[in-house]
């Protein structure tokens, strides 16, 4: 082995190790970008207002930072906060700004998509609506349907005012007369009311069907 290779061997090895560490630090500090989907947290909404359509479940966030931080970033470290509180009844066009995204120190939010979301809000309304039974089929031969009554005849509902205003009446799920020759009563379910409309009364709906003989 040549003598000059072994001279100051310790210093030479230390220099190699130091150079490697410096290279690792430089590479680790390189800025990189990643894209993450962050849940969209809407609210709190003003009292007695509800959204007429569901906003997007998440927004796409573009992040930039040192490679050592970006590669160890977890979804729970990134979130949305400070959602605008000046929402009103009607159309709301909400800007999603980078400063609304919470990220660890050293990470920068460089882009959000979509940058705006449409959030229409409507006031909650409540009133009574008439119930009408849906009757299907016919009784046995020689018998006829004489009368149908519903108890309660009206039910109280709550929901967005724009949807409630279109409800002139409610219908039950179909009630069959096939094979019947005598009067009967049955509990009835209402047809689906809509995603945001709910019944305020807990009283069951009972439909009484009166069947009589057919006069010749």
N, C-alpha and C. Protein backbone atom coordinates (compact mmCIF):
# COMPACT_ATOMS: atom_id res chain seq x y z
N UNK A 1 0.86 -1.18 0.00
CA UNK A 1 0.00 0.00 0.00
C UNK A 1 0.90 1.24 0.00
N UNK A 2 0.54 2.20 -0.83
CA UNK A 2 1.35 3.39 -0.91
C UNK A 2 1.26 4.19 0.39
N UNK A 3 2.38 4.74 0.85
CA UNK A 3 2.38 5.43 2.15
C UNK A 3 1.42 6.62 2.19
N UNK A 4 1.27 7.33 1.07
CA UNK A 4 0.43 8.55 1.13
C UNK A 4 -1.05 8.22 1.35
N UNK A 5 -1.44 6.96 1.02
CA UNK A 5 -2.83 6.59 1.25
C UNK A 5 -3.16 6.44 2.73
N UNK A 6 -2.14 6.06 3.51
CA UNK A 6 -2.41 5.82 4.93
C UNK A 6 -2.05 7.01 5.80
N UNK A 7 -1.44 8.03 5.22
CA UNK A 7 -1.11 9.20 6.01
C UNK A 7 -2.40 9.96 6.37
N UNK A 8 -2.46 10.35 7.69
CA UNK A 8 -3.64 11.09 8.19
C UNK A 8 -4.96 10.39 7.81
N UNK A 9 -4.95 9.07 7.98
CA UNK A 9 -6.12 8.28 7.60
C UNK A 9 -7.37 8.69 8.36
N UNK A 10 -7.20 9.00 9.66
CA UNK A 10 -8.36 9.40 10.47
C UNK A 10 -9.00 10.67 9.96
N UNK A 11 -8.14 11.66 9.60
CA UNK A 11 -8.68 12.91 9.07
C UNK A 11 -9.40 12.68 7.74
N UNK A 12 -8.83 11.82 6.91
CA UNK A 12 -9.45 11.56 5.62
C UNK A 12 -10.82 10.89 5.77
N UNK A 13 -10.89 9.92 6.67
CA UNK A 13 -12.18 9.25 6.90
C UNK A 13 -13.20 10.22 7.47
N UNK A 14 -12.74 11.09 8.38
CA UNK A 14 -13.65 12.09 8.95
C UNK A 14 -14.17 13.03 7.88
N UNK A 15 -13.30 13.40 6.94
CA UNK A 15 -13.72 14.29 5.86
C UNK A 15 -14.77 13.63 4.98
N UNK A 16 -14.56 12.33 4.72
CA UNK A 16 -15.55 11.62 3.89
C UNK A 16 -16.90 11.56 4.59
N UNK A 17 -16.88 11.22 5.88
CA UNK A 17 -18.13 11.14 6.65
C UNK A 17 -18.80 12.50 6.70
N UNK A 18 -18.04 13.57 6.93
CA UNK A 18 -18.61 14.91 7.00
C UNK A 18 -19.21 15.31 5.66
N UNK A 19 -18.50 14.98 4.58
CA UNK A 19 -19.03 15.31 3.26
C UNK A 19 -20.35 14.59 3.00
N UNK A 20 -20.42 13.33 3.43
CA UNK A 20 -21.67 12.57 3.25
C UNK A 20 -22.81 13.19 4.05
N UNK A 21 -22.50 13.58 5.30
CA UNK A 21 -23.53 14.18 6.13
C UNK A 21 -24.01 15.50 5.54
N UNK A 22 -23.07 16.30 5.05
CA UNK A 22 -23.47 17.57 4.42
C UNK A 22 -24.33 17.32 3.19
N UNK A 23 -23.96 16.30 2.40
CA UNK A 23 -24.77 15.96 1.24
C UNK A 23 -26.18 15.54 1.65
N UNK A 24 -26.26 14.75 2.71
CA UNK A 24 -27.57 14.29 3.18
C UNK A 24 -28.42 15.46 3.66
N UNK A 25 -27.79 16.41 4.35
CA UNK A 25 -28.53 17.57 4.83
C UNK A 25 -29.03 18.41 3.67
N UNK A 26 -28.17 18.61 2.66
CA UNK A 26 -28.56 19.40 1.49
C UNK A 26 -29.71 18.74 0.76
N UNK A 27 -29.60 17.43 0.54
CA UNK A 27 -30.67 16.70 -0.16
C UNK A 27 -31.95 16.74 0.67
N UNK A 28 -31.80 16.55 2.00
CA UNK A 28 -32.97 16.54 2.87
C UNK A 28 -33.66 17.88 2.92
N UNK A 29 -32.94 18.97 2.72
CA UNK A 29 -33.51 20.31 2.78
C UNK A 29 -34.04 20.78 1.43
N UNK A 30 -33.93 19.97 0.41
CA UNK A 30 -34.48 20.35 -0.87
C UNK A 30 -35.99 20.52 -0.77
N UNK A 31 -36.52 21.56 -1.41
CA UNK A 31 -37.95 21.82 -1.39
C UNK A 31 -38.66 20.88 -2.37
N UNK A 32 -39.70 20.24 -1.89
CA UNK A 32 -40.51 19.38 -2.75
C UNK A 32 -41.97 19.74 -2.56
N UNK A 33 -42.81 19.32 -3.50
CA UNK A 33 -44.24 19.58 -3.41
C UNK A 33 -45.02 18.27 -3.43
N UNK A 34 -46.10 18.25 -2.66
CA UNK A 34 -47.02 17.11 -2.67
C UNK A 34 -48.45 17.65 -2.69
N UNK A 35 -49.38 16.80 -3.08
CA UNK A 35 -50.80 17.15 -3.10
C UNK A 35 -51.56 16.22 -2.16
N UNK A 36 -52.43 16.80 -1.32
CA UNK A 36 -53.22 16.01 -0.37
C UNK A 36 -54.67 16.44 -0.47
N UNK A 37 -55.58 15.49 -0.18
CA UNK A 37 -57.00 15.80 -0.05
C UNK A 37 -57.31 16.06 1.41
N UNK A 38 -57.83 17.25 1.69
CA UNK A 38 -58.13 17.65 3.06
C UNK A 38 -59.64 17.75 3.22
N UNK A 39 -60.23 17.10 4.26
CA UNK A 39 -61.68 17.19 4.46
C UNK A 39 -62.14 18.64 4.57
N UNK A 40 -63.25 18.95 3.88
CA UNK A 40 -63.83 20.28 3.93
C UNK A 40 -64.76 20.37 5.13
N UNK A 41 -64.42 21.20 6.08
CA UNK A 41 -65.20 21.36 7.30
C UNK A 41 -66.00 22.66 7.21
N UNK A 42 -67.30 22.52 6.94
CA UNK A 42 -68.18 23.67 6.79
C UNK A 42 -68.83 23.99 8.13
N UNK A 43 -68.77 25.25 8.51
CA UNK A 43 -69.49 25.63 9.71
C UNK A 43 -68.61 26.31 10.73
N UNK A 44 -69.26 26.68 11.86
CA UNK A 44 -70.67 26.42 12.15
C UNK A 44 -71.59 27.30 11.30
N UNK A 45 -72.74 26.72 10.92
CA UNK A 45 -73.71 27.46 10.12
C UNK A 45 -74.56 28.36 11.01
N UNK A 46 -75.07 29.47 10.45
CA UNK A 46 -75.97 30.33 11.23
C UNK A 46 -77.18 29.54 11.72
N UNK A 47 -77.72 29.97 12.84
CA UNK A 47 -78.87 29.28 13.44
C UNK A 47 -80.05 29.28 12.48
N UNK A 48 -80.74 28.13 12.42
CA UNK A 48 -81.94 27.95 11.61
C UNK A 48 -81.69 28.00 10.10
N UNK A 49 -80.44 27.79 9.67
CA UNK A 49 -80.14 27.70 8.24
C UNK A 49 -79.53 26.33 7.95
N UNK A 50 -79.90 25.78 6.79
CA UNK A 50 -79.37 24.47 6.38
C UNK A 50 -78.92 24.55 4.93
N UNK A 51 -77.90 23.78 4.55
CA UNK A 51 -77.47 23.78 3.14
C UNK A 51 -78.48 23.06 2.25
N UNK A 52 -78.72 23.61 1.07
CA UNK A 52 -79.63 22.99 0.12
C UNK A 52 -78.95 21.90 -0.68
N UNK A 53 -77.63 21.90 -0.72
CA UNK A 53 -76.89 20.84 -1.39
C UNK A 53 -75.61 20.60 -0.62
N UNK A 54 -75.13 19.38 -0.70
CA UNK A 54 -73.93 19.02 0.03
C UNK A 54 -72.70 19.63 -0.63
N UNK A 55 -71.86 20.32 0.14
CA UNK A 55 -70.61 20.83 -0.43
C UNK A 55 -69.65 19.68 -0.70
N UNK A 56 -68.54 19.94 -1.42
CA UNK A 56 -67.55 18.88 -1.64
C UNK A 56 -67.05 18.30 -0.31
N UNK A 57 -66.76 17.01 -0.31
CA UNK A 57 -66.27 16.38 0.91
C UNK A 57 -64.86 16.82 1.26
N UNK A 58 -64.07 17.21 0.26
CA UNK A 58 -62.69 17.58 0.52
C UNK A 58 -62.21 18.59 -0.51
N UNK A 59 -61.08 19.22 -0.21
CA UNK A 59 -60.41 20.11 -1.15
C UNK A 59 -59.01 19.57 -1.39
N UNK A 60 -58.48 19.86 -2.56
CA UNK A 60 -57.14 19.41 -2.92
C UNK A 60 -56.14 20.51 -2.55
N UNK A 61 -55.17 20.16 -1.72
CA UNK A 61 -54.21 21.15 -1.21
C UNK A 61 -52.82 20.78 -1.71
N UNK A 62 -52.13 21.76 -2.28
CA UNK A 62 -50.76 21.55 -2.73
C UNK A 62 -49.80 22.15 -1.70
N UNK A 63 -48.88 21.34 -1.19
CA UNK A 63 -47.97 21.73 -0.12
C UNK A 63 -46.54 21.71 -0.60
N UNK A 64 -45.74 22.63 -0.04
CA UNK A 64 -44.32 22.67 -0.35
C UNK A 64 -43.53 22.79 0.94
N UNK A 65 -42.40 22.09 1.00
CA UNK A 65 -41.55 22.15 2.18
C UNK A 65 -40.33 21.28 2.02
N UNK A 66 -39.45 21.29 3.04
CA UNK A 66 -38.26 20.44 3.00
C UNK A 66 -38.65 18.98 2.83
N UNK A 67 -37.85 18.27 2.07
CA UNK A 67 -38.16 16.87 1.79
C UNK A 67 -38.27 16.05 3.07
N UNK A 68 -37.43 16.37 4.06
CA UNK A 68 -37.47 15.62 5.32
C UNK A 68 -38.79 15.80 6.04
N UNK A 69 -39.42 16.98 5.89
CA UNK A 69 -40.72 17.21 6.53
C UNK A 69 -41.87 16.66 5.69
N UNK A 70 -41.80 16.86 4.39
CA UNK A 70 -42.88 16.43 3.51
C UNK A 70 -43.04 14.91 3.53
N UNK A 71 -41.93 14.18 3.53
CA UNK A 71 -42.01 12.72 3.45
C UNK A 71 -42.56 12.09 4.73
N UNK A 72 -42.52 12.83 5.84
CA UNK A 72 -43.05 12.29 7.10
C UNK A 72 -44.39 12.89 7.47
N UNK A 73 -44.96 13.71 6.57
CA UNK A 73 -46.23 14.38 6.85
C UNK A 73 -47.37 13.37 6.82
N UNK A 74 -48.26 13.45 7.82
CA UNK A 74 -49.42 12.56 7.89
C UNK A 74 -50.69 13.38 7.67
N UNK A 75 -51.77 12.75 7.13
CA UNK A 75 -53.01 13.48 6.85
C UNK A 75 -53.60 14.19 8.07
N UNK A 76 -53.44 13.63 9.27
CA UNK A 76 -54.04 14.27 10.44
C UNK A 76 -53.31 15.54 10.86
N UNK A 77 -52.13 15.78 10.28
CA UNK A 77 -51.40 17.01 10.59
C UNK A 77 -51.88 18.19 9.73
N UNK A 78 -52.71 17.91 8.74
CA UNK A 78 -53.21 18.94 7.84
C UNK A 78 -54.73 19.00 7.96
N UNK A 79 -55.27 20.18 8.15
CA UNK A 79 -56.71 20.31 8.31
C UNK A 79 -57.17 21.70 7.95
N UNK A 80 -58.49 21.88 7.93
CA UNK A 80 -59.07 23.18 7.60
C UNK A 80 -59.61 23.82 8.87
N UNK A 81 -59.44 25.12 8.99
CA UNK A 81 -59.96 25.87 10.12
C UNK A 81 -60.31 27.27 9.66
N UNK A 82 -60.96 28.02 10.56
CA UNK A 82 -61.34 29.42 10.27
C UNK A 82 -62.26 29.52 9.06
N UNK A 83 -63.25 28.60 8.96
CA UNK A 83 -64.22 28.70 7.88
C UNK A 83 -65.02 29.98 8.07
N UNK A 84 -65.29 30.74 6.97
CA UNK A 84 -65.98 32.03 7.11
C UNK A 84 -67.30 31.90 7.86
N UNK A 85 -67.57 32.87 8.75
CA UNK A 85 -68.79 32.83 9.55
C UNK A 85 -69.84 33.80 9.09
N UNK A 86 -69.59 34.55 8.01
CA UNK A 86 -70.54 35.55 7.54
C UNK A 86 -71.47 34.98 6.47
N UNK A 87 -71.99 33.78 6.71
CA UNK A 87 -72.89 33.15 5.75
C UNK A 87 -74.31 33.65 5.96
N UNK A 88 -75.06 33.76 4.87
CA UNK A 88 -76.42 34.30 4.93
C UNK A 88 -77.37 33.37 4.20
N UNK A 89 -78.66 33.58 4.39
CA UNK A 89 -79.66 32.82 3.66
C UNK A 89 -79.56 33.15 2.17
N UNK A 90 -79.60 32.14 1.34
CA UNK A 90 -79.46 32.33 -0.10
C UNK A 90 -78.13 31.80 -0.60
N UNK A 91 -77.64 32.38 -1.68
CA UNK A 91 -76.39 31.94 -2.29
C UNK A 91 -75.18 32.46 -1.53
N UNK A 92 -74.23 31.58 -1.26
CA UNK A 92 -72.96 31.95 -0.65
C UNK A 92 -71.84 31.38 -1.52
N UNK A 93 -70.95 32.25 -1.98
CA UNK A 93 -69.78 31.81 -2.73
C UNK A 93 -68.58 32.00 -1.81
N UNK A 94 -68.09 30.89 -1.26
CA UNK A 94 -67.06 30.93 -0.22
C UNK A 94 -65.69 30.71 -0.83
N UNK A 95 -64.78 31.64 -0.57
CA UNK A 95 -63.40 31.50 -1.05
C UNK A 95 -62.62 30.61 -0.09
N UNK A 96 -61.92 29.62 -0.64
CA UNK A 96 -61.06 28.75 0.16
C UNK A 96 -59.63 29.27 0.01
N UNK A 97 -59.12 29.89 1.04
CA UNK A 97 -57.80 30.53 0.99
C UNK A 97 -56.74 29.64 1.62
N UNK A 98 -55.49 29.75 1.16
CA UNK A 98 -54.42 28.93 1.73
C UNK A 98 -54.28 29.08 3.24
N UNK A 99 -54.53 30.28 3.77
CA UNK A 99 -54.37 30.48 5.21
C UNK A 99 -55.44 29.77 6.04
N UNK A 100 -56.45 29.20 5.38
CA UNK A 100 -57.46 28.43 6.09
C UNK A 100 -57.00 26.99 6.32
N UNK A 101 -55.87 26.61 5.74
CA UNK A 101 -55.36 25.25 5.88
C UNK A 101 -54.30 25.22 6.96
N UNK A 102 -54.50 24.37 7.95
CA UNK A 102 -53.55 24.21 9.05
C UNK A 102 -52.49 23.19 8.66
N UNK A 103 -51.21 23.62 8.76
CA UNK A 103 -50.09 22.73 8.42
C UNK A 103 -49.01 22.89 9.48
N UNK A 104 -48.10 21.91 9.61
CA UNK A 104 -47.00 22.02 10.58
C UNK A 104 -46.04 23.15 10.19
N UNK A 105 -45.30 23.61 11.17
CA UNK A 105 -44.29 24.64 10.94
C UNK A 105 -43.27 24.16 9.90
N UNK A 106 -42.94 25.03 8.97
CA UNK A 106 -41.99 24.68 7.92
C UNK A 106 -42.63 24.24 6.63
N UNK A 107 -43.96 23.98 6.65
CA UNK A 107 -44.70 23.57 5.46
C UNK A 107 -45.48 24.78 4.94
N UNK A 108 -45.51 24.96 3.63
CA UNK A 108 -46.20 26.09 3.01
C UNK A 108 -47.32 25.57 2.12
N UNK A 109 -48.49 26.23 2.20
CA UNK A 109 -49.62 25.90 1.32
C UNK A 109 -49.49 26.78 0.08
N UNK A 110 -49.29 26.17 -1.07
CA UNK A 110 -49.07 26.94 -2.29
C UNK A 110 -50.28 26.91 -3.23
N UNK A 111 -51.28 26.12 -2.91
CA UNK A 111 -52.45 26.08 -3.78
C UNK A 111 -53.57 25.28 -3.18
N UNK A 112 -54.83 25.68 -3.47
CA UNK A 112 -56.02 24.98 -3.01
C UNK A 112 -56.99 24.88 -4.18
N UNK A 113 -57.60 23.73 -4.36
CA UNK A 113 -58.60 23.55 -5.42
C UNK A 113 -59.77 22.72 -4.87
N UNK A 114 -61.02 23.16 -5.07
CA UNK A 114 -61.36 24.41 -5.75
C UNK A 114 -61.08 25.63 -4.87
N UNK A 115 -60.91 26.77 -5.51
CA UNK A 115 -60.64 27.98 -4.75
C UNK A 115 -61.91 28.63 -4.22
N UNK A 116 -63.05 28.21 -4.77
CA UNK A 116 -64.34 28.71 -4.29
C UNK A 116 -65.34 27.56 -4.29
N UNK A 117 -66.25 27.58 -3.32
CA UNK A 117 -67.33 26.60 -3.29
C UNK A 117 -68.66 27.33 -3.19
N UNK A 118 -69.66 26.74 -3.82
CA UNK A 118 -71.02 27.30 -3.77
C UNK A 118 -71.76 26.66 -2.61
N UNK A 119 -72.33 27.48 -1.75
CA UNK A 119 -73.01 26.97 -0.56
C UNK A 119 -74.35 27.70 -0.39
N UNK A 120 -75.42 27.21 -1.06
CA UNK A 120 -76.74 27.82 -0.88
C UNK A 120 -77.37 27.38 0.44
N UNK A 121 -77.86 28.34 1.19
CA UNK A 121 -78.48 28.06 2.49
C UNK A 121 -79.94 28.48 2.46
N UNK A 122 -80.76 27.73 3.18
CA UNK A 122 -82.19 28.03 3.26
C UNK A 122 -82.63 28.00 4.71
N UNK A 123 -83.67 28.77 5.00
CA UNK A 123 -84.19 28.82 6.37
C UNK A 123 -85.03 27.58 6.66
N UNK A 124 -85.01 27.15 7.92
CA UNK A 124 -85.84 26.03 8.36
C UNK A 124 -87.27 26.53 8.56
N UNK A 125 -88.22 25.77 8.01
CA UNK A 125 -89.64 26.10 8.18
C UNK A 125 -90.37 24.87 8.71
N UNK A 126 -91.50 25.11 9.35
CA UNK A 126 -92.30 23.99 9.90
C UNK A 126 -93.77 24.32 9.75
N UNK A 127 -94.54 23.39 9.18
CA UNK A 127 -95.98 23.54 9.14
C UNK A 127 -96.65 22.19 8.90
N UNK A 128 -98.00 22.21 8.92
CA UNK A 128 -98.76 20.97 8.77
C UNK A 128 -99.08 20.71 7.31
N UNK A 129 -99.07 19.42 6.97
CA UNK A 129 -99.37 18.99 5.60
C UNK A 129 -100.38 17.86 5.66
N UNK A 130 -101.33 17.88 4.74
CA UNK A 130 -102.38 16.86 4.69
C UNK A 130 -101.81 15.52 4.24
N UNK A 131 -102.35 14.43 4.82
CA UNK A 131 -101.93 13.08 4.48
C UNK A 131 -103.00 12.42 3.62
N UNK A 132 -102.58 11.83 2.50
CA UNK A 132 -103.51 11.10 1.64
C UNK A 132 -103.01 9.67 1.47
N UNK A 133 -103.89 8.68 1.70
CA UNK A 133 -103.48 7.28 1.53
C UNK A 133 -103.48 6.87 0.07
N UNK A 134 -102.49 6.05 -0.30
CA UNK A 134 -102.49 5.45 -1.64
C UNK A 134 -103.15 4.07 -1.54
N UNK A 135 -104.22 3.89 -2.29
CA UNK A 135 -104.97 2.64 -2.27
C UNK A 135 -104.76 1.92 -3.60
N UNK A 136 -104.46 0.62 -3.51
CA UNK A 136 -104.24 -0.17 -4.72
C UNK A 136 -105.14 -1.41 -4.71
N UNK A 137 -105.49 -1.87 -5.91
CA UNK A 137 -106.25 -3.12 -6.02
C UNK A 137 -107.73 -2.94 -5.72
N UNK A 138 -108.46 -4.04 -5.75
CA UNK A 138 -109.91 -4.04 -5.50
C UNK A 138 -110.24 -5.17 -4.54
N UNK A 139 -111.33 -5.01 -3.76
CA UNK A 139 -111.75 -6.08 -2.84
C UNK A 139 -112.25 -7.31 -3.62
N UNK A 140 -112.64 -8.33 -2.85
CA UNK A 140 -113.22 -9.52 -3.48
C UNK A 140 -114.46 -9.15 -4.28
N UNK A 141 -114.77 -9.99 -5.22
CA UNK A 141 -115.95 -9.76 -6.05
C UNK A 141 -117.19 -9.66 -5.18
N UNK A 142 -117.98 -8.65 -5.45
CA UNK A 142 -119.20 -8.44 -4.67
C UNK A 142 -119.00 -7.43 -3.56
N UNK A 143 -117.77 -6.94 -3.38
CA UNK A 143 -117.49 -5.95 -2.32
C UNK A 143 -116.87 -4.71 -2.96
N UNK A 144 -117.08 -3.60 -2.29
CA UNK A 144 -116.56 -2.33 -2.80
C UNK A 144 -115.92 -1.55 -1.66
N UNK A 145 -115.06 -0.63 -2.05
CA UNK A 145 -114.48 0.30 -1.09
C UNK A 145 -115.47 1.42 -0.84
N UNK A 146 -115.82 1.62 0.43
CA UNK A 146 -116.81 2.63 0.76
C UNK A 146 -116.16 3.92 1.27
N UNK A 147 -115.16 3.78 2.12
CA UNK A 147 -114.57 4.99 2.68
C UNK A 147 -113.18 4.69 3.22
N UNK A 148 -112.31 5.72 3.18
CA UNK A 148 -110.97 5.62 3.75
C UNK A 148 -110.73 6.85 4.62
N UNK A 149 -110.28 6.63 5.83
CA UNK A 149 -109.96 7.75 6.72
C UNK A 149 -108.53 7.58 7.25
N UNK A 150 -107.91 8.71 7.52
CA UNK A 150 -106.53 8.72 8.00
C UNK A 150 -106.47 9.44 9.34
N UNK A 151 -105.78 8.84 10.29
CA UNK A 151 -105.58 9.45 11.61
C UNK A 151 -104.08 9.45 11.93
N UNK A 152 -103.50 10.62 12.19
CA UNK A 152 -104.07 11.97 12.07
C UNK A 152 -104.18 12.39 10.60
N UNK A 153 -105.10 13.28 10.30
CA UNK A 153 -105.28 13.69 8.90
C UNK A 153 -104.17 14.61 8.39
N UNK A 154 -103.43 15.21 9.32
CA UNK A 154 -102.34 16.11 8.96
C UNK A 154 -101.14 15.84 9.86
N UNK A 155 -99.96 16.07 9.35
CA UNK A 155 -98.74 15.88 10.15
C UNK A 155 -97.89 17.15 10.05
N UNK A 156 -97.12 17.38 11.10
CA UNK A 156 -96.22 18.54 11.13
C UNK A 156 -94.85 18.12 10.60
N UNK A 157 -94.31 18.92 9.71
CA UNK A 157 -93.02 18.66 9.10
C UNK A 157 -92.08 19.84 9.31
N UNK A 158 -90.80 19.54 9.23
CA UNK A 158 -89.78 20.57 9.33
C UNK A 158 -88.74 20.33 8.25
N UNK A 159 -88.28 21.42 7.60
CA UNK A 159 -87.29 21.28 6.56
C UNK A 159 -87.00 22.61 5.90
N UNK A 160 -86.12 22.62 4.89
CA UNK A 160 -85.83 23.86 4.18
C UNK A 160 -87.10 24.47 3.60
N UNK A 161 -87.22 25.79 3.75
CA UNK A 161 -88.45 26.46 3.34
C UNK A 161 -88.77 26.25 1.86
N UNK A 162 -87.75 26.27 1.00
CA UNK A 162 -88.00 26.12 -0.43
C UNK A 162 -88.55 24.74 -0.77
N UNK A 163 -88.12 23.70 -0.02
CA UNK A 163 -88.65 22.35 -0.25
C UNK A 163 -90.03 22.19 0.37
N UNK A 164 -90.22 22.77 1.54
CA UNK A 164 -91.51 22.65 2.21
C UNK A 164 -92.62 23.31 1.40
N UNK A 165 -92.30 24.41 0.71
CA UNK A 165 -93.33 25.13 -0.04
C UNK A 165 -93.87 24.31 -1.20
N UNK A 166 -93.15 23.28 -1.63
CA UNK A 166 -93.61 22.45 -2.75
C UNK A 166 -94.46 21.27 -2.28
N UNK A 167 -94.60 21.10 -0.97
CA UNK A 167 -95.35 19.96 -0.44
C UNK A 167 -96.81 20.35 -0.23
N UNK A 168 -97.67 20.02 -1.20
CA UNK A 168 -99.09 20.30 -1.04
C UNK A 168 -99.75 19.24 -0.16
N UNK A 169 -99.30 18.00 -0.27
CA UNK A 169 -99.81 16.90 0.55
C UNK A 169 -98.77 15.79 0.61
N UNK A 170 -98.99 14.88 1.55
CA UNK A 170 -98.12 13.71 1.70
C UNK A 170 -98.92 12.46 1.37
N UNK A 171 -98.22 11.47 0.84
CA UNK A 171 -98.88 10.20 0.51
C UNK A 171 -98.25 9.08 1.33
N UNK A 172 -99.10 8.11 1.65
CA UNK A 172 -98.60 6.92 2.33
C UNK A 172 -98.05 5.95 1.30
N UNK A 173 -97.31 4.98 1.78
CA UNK A 173 -96.95 3.87 0.90
C UNK A 173 -98.23 3.10 0.54
N UNK A 174 -98.26 2.42 -0.61
CA UNK A 174 -99.49 1.78 -1.09
C UNK A 174 -100.10 0.81 -0.07
N UNK A 175 -101.42 0.84 0.01
CA UNK A 175 -102.20 -0.09 0.84
C UNK A 175 -103.09 -0.91 -0.11
N UNK A 176 -102.94 -2.21 -0.07
CA UNK A 176 -103.63 -3.08 -1.02
C UNK A 176 -105.00 -3.52 -0.49
N UNK A 177 -105.98 -3.51 -1.40
CA UNK A 177 -107.32 -4.01 -1.07
C UNK A 177 -107.53 -5.44 -1.57
N UNK A 178 -106.54 -5.98 -2.26
CA UNK A 178 -106.71 -7.30 -2.86
C UNK A 178 -107.06 -8.35 -1.81
N UNK A 179 -108.14 -9.11 -2.08
CA UNK A 179 -108.52 -10.22 -1.21
C UNK A 179 -109.34 -9.82 0.00
N UNK A 180 -109.61 -8.53 0.19
CA UNK A 180 -110.35 -8.09 1.38
C UNK A 180 -111.85 -8.11 1.11
N UNK A 181 -112.59 -8.55 2.14
CA UNK A 181 -114.05 -8.52 2.08
C UNK A 181 -114.63 -7.87 3.32
N UNK A 182 -113.77 -7.48 4.25
CA UNK A 182 -114.21 -6.80 5.47
C UNK A 182 -113.36 -5.56 5.69
N UNK A 183 -113.89 -4.67 6.50
CA UNK A 183 -113.17 -3.44 6.83
C UNK A 183 -111.93 -3.77 7.66
N UNK A 184 -110.92 -2.93 7.57
CA UNK A 184 -109.69 -3.17 8.33
C UNK A 184 -108.96 -1.84 8.55
N UNK A 185 -108.06 -1.85 9.52
CA UNK A 185 -107.19 -0.71 9.81
C UNK A 185 -105.74 -1.17 9.77
N UNK A 186 -104.89 -0.30 9.37
CA UNK A 186 -103.48 -0.65 9.29
C UNK A 186 -102.61 0.59 9.51
N UNK A 187 -101.46 0.37 10.11
CA UNK A 187 -100.49 1.46 10.20
C UNK A 187 -99.85 1.68 8.84
N UNK A 188 -99.61 2.93 8.51
CA UNK A 188 -99.06 3.25 7.19
C UNK A 188 -97.79 4.08 7.34
N UNK A 189 -96.86 3.82 6.46
CA UNK A 189 -95.63 4.61 6.39
C UNK A 189 -95.78 5.67 5.30
N UNK A 190 -95.17 6.82 5.53
CA UNK A 190 -95.19 7.87 4.53
C UNK A 190 -94.16 7.59 3.46
N UNK A 191 -94.46 8.05 2.25
CA UNK A 191 -93.45 8.00 1.20
C UNK A 191 -92.26 8.86 1.62
N UNK A 192 -91.06 8.58 1.08
CA UNK A 192 -89.88 9.36 1.47
C UNK A 192 -90.14 10.86 1.37
N UNK A 193 -89.76 11.56 2.42
CA UNK A 193 -90.05 12.99 2.50
C UNK A 193 -88.99 13.85 1.85
N UNK A 194 -87.82 13.32 1.66
CA UNK A 194 -86.72 14.14 1.20
C UNK A 194 -85.60 14.09 2.22
N UNK A 195 -84.40 14.34 1.76
CA UNK A 195 -83.22 14.17 2.61
C UNK A 195 -83.24 15.05 3.83
N UNK A 196 -83.78 16.27 3.74
CA UNK A 196 -83.70 17.21 4.84
C UNK A 196 -85.04 17.52 5.48
N UNK A 197 -86.08 16.80 5.07
CA UNK A 197 -87.41 17.01 5.66
C UNK A 197 -87.69 15.89 6.65
N UNK A 198 -88.20 16.26 7.80
CA UNK A 198 -88.50 15.25 8.81
C UNK A 198 -89.84 15.54 9.46
N UNK A 199 -90.48 14.47 9.91
CA UNK A 199 -91.76 14.61 10.61
C UNK A 199 -91.51 14.97 12.07
N UNK A 200 -92.29 15.91 12.58
CA UNK A 200 -92.15 16.34 13.96
C UNK A 200 -93.05 15.55 14.90
N UNK A 201 -94.06 14.89 14.36
CA UNK A 201 -94.99 14.12 15.19
C UNK A 201 -94.53 12.67 15.29
N UNK A 202 -94.61 12.13 16.49
CA UNK A 202 -94.25 10.72 16.70
C UNK A 202 -95.47 9.81 16.63
N UNK A 203 -96.66 10.39 16.54
CA UNK A 203 -97.87 9.58 16.48
C UNK A 203 -97.92 8.78 15.19
N UNK A 204 -98.18 7.46 15.27
CA UNK A 204 -98.25 6.65 14.05
C UNK A 204 -99.44 7.04 13.19
N UNK A 205 -99.31 6.81 11.90
CA UNK A 205 -100.40 7.10 10.96
C UNK A 205 -101.21 5.82 10.75
N UNK A 206 -102.50 5.90 11.03
CA UNK A 206 -103.39 4.74 10.91
C UNK A 206 -104.42 5.02 9.82
N UNK A 207 -104.51 4.09 8.88
CA UNK A 207 -105.48 4.21 7.79
C UNK A 207 -106.59 3.19 8.03
N UNK A 208 -107.83 3.69 8.12
CA UNK A 208 -109.01 2.83 8.31
C UNK A 208 -109.72 2.69 6.97
N UNK A 209 -109.90 1.45 6.54
CA UNK A 209 -110.52 1.16 5.25
C UNK A 209 -111.88 0.49 5.50
N UNK A 210 -112.93 1.12 5.00
CA UNK A 210 -114.28 0.57 5.16
C UNK A 210 -114.71 -0.12 3.86
N UNK A 211 -115.02 -1.40 3.97
CA UNK A 211 -115.43 -2.20 2.82
C UNK A 211 -116.85 -2.70 3.05
N UNK A 212 -117.71 -2.57 2.03
CA UNK A 212 -119.08 -3.03 2.14
C UNK A 212 -119.48 -3.88 0.94
N UNK A 213 -120.67 -4.45 1.03
CA UNK A 213 -121.16 -5.26 -0.08
C UNK A 213 -121.65 -4.37 -1.21
N UNK A 214 -121.50 -4.88 -2.39
CA UNK A 214 -121.92 -4.15 -3.58
C UNK A 214 -123.39 -4.35 -3.79
N UNK A 215 -124.11 -3.24 -3.90
CA UNK A 215 -125.56 -3.34 -4.12
C UNK A 215 -125.81 -3.64 -5.58
N UNK A 216 -126.76 -4.53 -5.78
CA UNK A 216 -127.09 -4.92 -7.16
C UNK A 216 -127.99 -3.86 -7.79
